[in-house]
């Protein structure tokens, strides 16, 4: 469930935000994804997919 919510959030925000806002969002989201991974809310594969989605859009 965490994965699905994060994927939707990233997809929606990518379309809406300006470059500066996007960069801020990416930084904040990476911190959240780290916490979700440590709390076993995401698998390693899901974490990598979401961070790659963030990185390719920077």
N, C-alpha and C. Protein backbone atom coordinates (compact mmCIF):
# COMPACT_ATOMS: atom_id res chain seq x y z
N UNK A 1 0.82 -1.19 0.00
CA UNK A 1 0.00 0.00 0.00
C UNK A 1 0.87 1.26 0.00
N UNK A 2 1.93 1.26 0.78
CA UNK A 2 2.83 2.41 0.82
C UNK A 2 3.42 2.67 -0.55
N UNK A 3 3.79 1.59 -1.22
CA UNK A 3 4.36 1.72 -2.56
C UNK A 3 3.38 2.39 -3.52
N UNK A 4 2.15 1.94 -3.51
CA UNK A 4 1.14 2.48 -4.41
C UNK A 4 0.90 3.97 -4.16
N UNK A 5 0.82 4.36 -2.90
CA UNK A 5 0.60 5.76 -2.56
C UNK A 5 1.79 6.62 -2.99
N UNK A 6 2.99 6.13 -2.73
CA UNK A 6 4.19 6.88 -3.13
C UNK A 6 4.27 7.02 -4.65
N UNK A 7 3.95 5.96 -5.37
CA UNK A 7 3.99 6.00 -6.83
C UNK A 7 3.01 7.03 -7.38
N UNK A 8 1.79 7.03 -6.85
CA UNK A 8 0.79 8.00 -7.29
C UNK A 8 1.23 9.42 -6.97
N UNK A 9 1.76 9.62 -5.77
CA UNK A 9 2.20 10.95 -5.35
C UNK A 9 3.31 11.47 -6.26
N UNK A 10 4.30 10.64 -6.53
CA UNK A 10 5.41 11.05 -7.39
C UNK A 10 4.91 11.38 -8.79
N UNK A 11 4.05 10.53 -9.33
CA UNK A 11 3.52 10.74 -10.68
C UNK A 11 2.73 12.04 -10.78
N UNK A 12 1.89 12.30 -9.80
CA UNK A 12 1.08 13.52 -9.81
C UNK A 12 1.95 14.76 -9.63
N UNK A 13 2.85 14.71 -8.67
CA UNK A 13 3.69 15.88 -8.40
C UNK A 13 4.63 16.19 -9.55
N UNK A 14 5.09 15.16 -10.26
CA UNK A 14 5.99 15.38 -11.39
C UNK A 14 5.34 16.27 -12.45
N UNK A 15 4.03 16.13 -12.62
CA UNK A 15 3.30 16.91 -13.62
C UNK A 15 2.97 18.31 -13.14
N UNK A 16 2.87 18.50 -11.83
CA UNK A 16 2.36 19.75 -11.28
C UNK A 16 3.42 20.77 -10.89
N UNK A 17 4.57 20.31 -10.44
CA UNK A 17 5.53 21.20 -9.78
C UNK A 17 6.50 21.87 -10.74
N UNK A 18 6.93 23.07 -10.36
CA UNK A 18 7.99 23.76 -11.09
C UNK A 18 9.32 23.09 -10.74
N UNK A 19 10.37 23.47 -11.43
CA UNK A 19 11.69 22.85 -11.22
C UNK A 19 12.18 22.99 -9.78
N UNK A 20 12.07 24.19 -9.22
CA UNK A 20 12.54 24.40 -7.85
C UNK A 20 11.71 23.60 -6.85
N UNK A 21 10.39 23.61 -7.04
CA UNK A 21 9.52 22.86 -6.15
C UNK A 21 9.75 21.35 -6.31
N UNK A 22 10.00 20.92 -7.54
CA UNK A 22 10.27 19.50 -7.78
C UNK A 22 11.54 19.07 -7.05
N UNK A 23 12.59 19.87 -7.12
CA UNK A 23 13.85 19.52 -6.45
C UNK A 23 13.65 19.41 -4.95
N UNK A 24 12.88 20.30 -4.38
CA UNK A 24 12.58 20.25 -2.95
C UNK A 24 11.77 18.98 -2.63
N UNK A 25 10.79 18.69 -3.46
CA UNK A 25 9.97 17.49 -3.28
C UNK A 25 10.83 16.23 -3.34
N UNK A 26 11.75 16.16 -4.29
CA UNK A 26 12.62 14.99 -4.44
C UNK A 26 13.43 14.77 -3.18
N UNK A 27 14.01 15.83 -2.65
CA UNK A 27 14.81 15.72 -1.43
C UNK A 27 13.97 15.20 -0.27
N UNK A 28 12.81 15.77 -0.08
CA UNK A 28 11.93 15.34 1.01
C UNK A 28 11.44 13.91 0.80
N UNK A 29 11.10 13.57 -0.42
CA UNK A 29 10.57 12.24 -0.70
C UNK A 29 11.63 11.17 -0.51
N UNK A 30 12.87 11.46 -0.87
CA UNK A 30 13.94 10.49 -0.66
C UNK A 30 14.13 10.18 0.82
N UNK A 31 14.01 11.19 1.66
CA UNK A 31 14.10 10.97 3.11
C UNK A 31 12.96 10.07 3.58
N UNK A 32 11.77 10.32 3.07
CA UNK A 32 10.61 9.49 3.45
C UNK A 32 10.78 8.06 2.96
N UNK A 33 11.27 7.89 1.74
CA UNK A 33 11.47 6.55 1.22
C UNK A 33 12.51 5.78 2.04
N UNK A 34 13.54 6.48 2.51
CA UNK A 34 14.53 5.85 3.38
C UNK A 34 13.88 5.32 4.65
N UNK A 35 13.01 6.12 5.24
CA UNK A 35 12.32 5.71 6.46
C UNK A 35 11.39 4.53 6.19
N UNK A 36 10.66 4.58 5.08
CA UNK A 36 9.77 3.48 4.73
C UNK A 36 10.54 2.19 4.51
N UNK A 37 11.72 2.28 3.91
CA UNK A 37 12.54 1.09 3.69
C UNK A 37 13.02 0.53 5.03
N UNK A 38 13.49 1.39 5.90
CA UNK A 38 13.97 0.94 7.21
C UNK A 38 12.86 0.33 8.07
N UNK A 39 11.64 0.80 7.88
CA UNK A 39 10.50 0.29 8.64
C UNK A 39 9.84 -0.90 7.96
N UNK A 40 10.47 -1.42 6.91
CA UNK A 40 9.94 -2.55 6.13
C UNK A 40 8.57 -2.28 5.53
N UNK A 41 8.33 -1.04 5.18
CA UNK A 41 7.09 -0.68 4.49
C UNK A 41 7.28 -0.77 2.97
N UNK A 42 8.54 -0.83 2.52
CA UNK A 42 8.88 -1.01 1.11
C UNK A 42 9.91 -2.13 1.00
N UNK A 43 9.87 -2.87 -0.10
CA UNK A 43 10.92 -3.84 -0.38
C UNK A 43 12.09 -3.09 -1.04
N UNK A 44 13.22 -3.75 -1.13
CA UNK A 44 14.37 -3.13 -1.79
C UNK A 44 14.06 -2.80 -3.25
N UNK A 45 13.36 -3.69 -3.93
CA UNK A 45 13.02 -3.47 -5.34
C UNK A 45 12.08 -2.27 -5.49
N UNK A 46 11.10 -2.15 -4.61
CA UNK A 46 10.17 -1.02 -4.66
C UNK A 46 10.91 0.28 -4.37
N UNK A 47 11.79 0.25 -3.39
CA UNK A 47 12.58 1.43 -3.04
C UNK A 47 13.42 1.89 -4.23
N UNK A 48 14.10 0.96 -4.87
CA UNK A 48 14.94 1.29 -6.02
C UNK A 48 14.10 1.85 -7.17
N UNK A 49 12.95 1.27 -7.41
CA UNK A 49 12.09 1.75 -8.49
C UNK A 49 11.63 3.19 -8.23
N UNK A 50 11.22 3.47 -7.00
CA UNK A 50 10.74 4.82 -6.67
C UNK A 50 11.88 5.84 -6.70
N UNK A 51 13.04 5.48 -6.17
CA UNK A 51 14.15 6.44 -6.20
C UNK A 51 14.65 6.66 -7.62
N UNK A 52 14.62 5.63 -8.46
CA UNK A 52 15.00 5.80 -9.87
C UNK A 52 14.01 6.73 -10.58
N UNK A 53 12.74 6.60 -10.25
CA UNK A 53 11.73 7.48 -10.83
C UNK A 53 12.00 8.93 -10.43
N UNK A 54 12.40 9.14 -9.20
CA UNK A 54 12.74 10.49 -8.74
C UNK A 54 14.02 10.99 -9.42
N UNK A 55 15.02 10.13 -9.53
CA UNK A 55 16.31 10.54 -10.09
C UNK A 55 16.22 10.87 -11.58
N UNK A 56 15.46 10.12 -12.33
CA UNK A 56 15.40 10.35 -13.77
C UNK A 56 14.64 11.64 -14.09
N UNK A 57 13.97 12.20 -13.11
CA UNK A 57 13.18 13.41 -13.35
C UNK A 57 13.86 14.67 -12.85
N UNK A 58 15.00 14.54 -12.24
CA UNK A 58 15.69 15.71 -11.69
C UNK A 58 16.31 16.54 -12.78
